[in-house]
Protein backbone atom coordinates (compact mmCIF):
# COMPACT_ATOMS: atom_id res chain seq x y z
CA MET A 1 -9.06 -78.97 32.09
CA THR A 2 -12.05 -81.28 32.08
CA ILE A 3 -12.26 -84.68 33.71
CA HIS A 4 -12.12 -86.27 30.27
CA LYS A 5 -8.98 -84.39 29.20
CA SER A 6 -7.18 -85.27 32.43
CA LYS A 7 -7.80 -89.00 32.04
CA GLY A 8 -4.56 -90.90 32.56
CA LEU A 9 -2.69 -87.89 33.97
CA GLU A 10 -1.44 -87.60 37.55
CA PHE A 11 -1.25 -84.41 39.60
CA PRO A 12 0.16 -83.86 43.12
CA ILE A 13 -2.67 -81.45 44.03
CA VAL A 14 -6.23 -81.45 42.68
CA PHE A 15 -8.93 -78.79 43.20
CA LEU A 16 -12.51 -79.97 42.77
CA THR A 17 -14.79 -76.99 42.21
CA GLY A 18 -18.52 -76.96 41.68
CA ILE A 19 -19.03 -80.49 42.97
CA GLY A 20 -22.19 -79.43 44.78
CA LYS A 21 -24.01 -79.33 41.45
CA GLY A 22 -25.29 -82.39 39.63
CA PHE A 23 -22.57 -84.07 37.60
CA ASN A 24 -22.73 -83.66 33.83
CA LYS A 25 -26.09 -81.89 33.86
CA ARG A 26 -26.62 -78.60 32.08
CA SER A 27 -28.55 -75.77 33.66
CA ASN A 28 -32.01 -75.35 32.17
CA TYR A 29 -31.75 -71.56 32.21
CA ALA A 30 -29.10 -69.08 31.14
CA GLN A 31 -27.46 -66.73 33.65
CA VAL A 32 -27.12 -64.07 30.94
CA LEU A 33 -29.79 -63.03 28.46
CA PHE A 34 -28.82 -61.77 25.02
CA HIS A 35 -31.20 -59.51 23.11
CA LYS A 36 -30.66 -58.24 19.59
CA GLU A 37 -31.67 -54.65 20.43
CA LEU A 38 -31.22 -54.37 24.21
CA GLY A 39 -27.86 -56.14 24.44
CA ILE A 40 -26.58 -58.19 27.36
CA CYS A 41 -28.63 -58.55 30.55
CA PRO A 42 -26.96 -60.62 33.33
CA ASP A 43 -28.76 -61.87 36.43
CA TYR A 44 -28.37 -59.70 39.54
CA VAL A 45 -26.39 -61.48 42.27
CA ASN A 46 -26.06 -60.04 45.78
CA LEU A 47 -23.09 -61.85 47.33
CA GLU A 48 -23.48 -60.16 50.71
CA LYS A 49 -27.10 -61.24 51.22
CA ARG A 50 -26.61 -64.39 49.12
CA TYR A 51 -29.48 -64.16 46.67
CA LYS A 52 -29.94 -63.98 42.91
CA HIS A 53 -32.61 -62.08 41.00
CA ASN A 54 -33.41 -63.02 37.41
CA SER A 55 -33.17 -60.25 34.83
């Protein structure tokens, strides 16, 4: 549920996720590339070492 859809509603518990990012700003790059012939190519993410490598 988005902030706009929840307007006027009350909840006993609220989880705010992703608040470290800029509010209402779209990323200027995609995390997944789509190619007509090659298919889907997601970015490589190493959670253990905490880094991301673009495809």
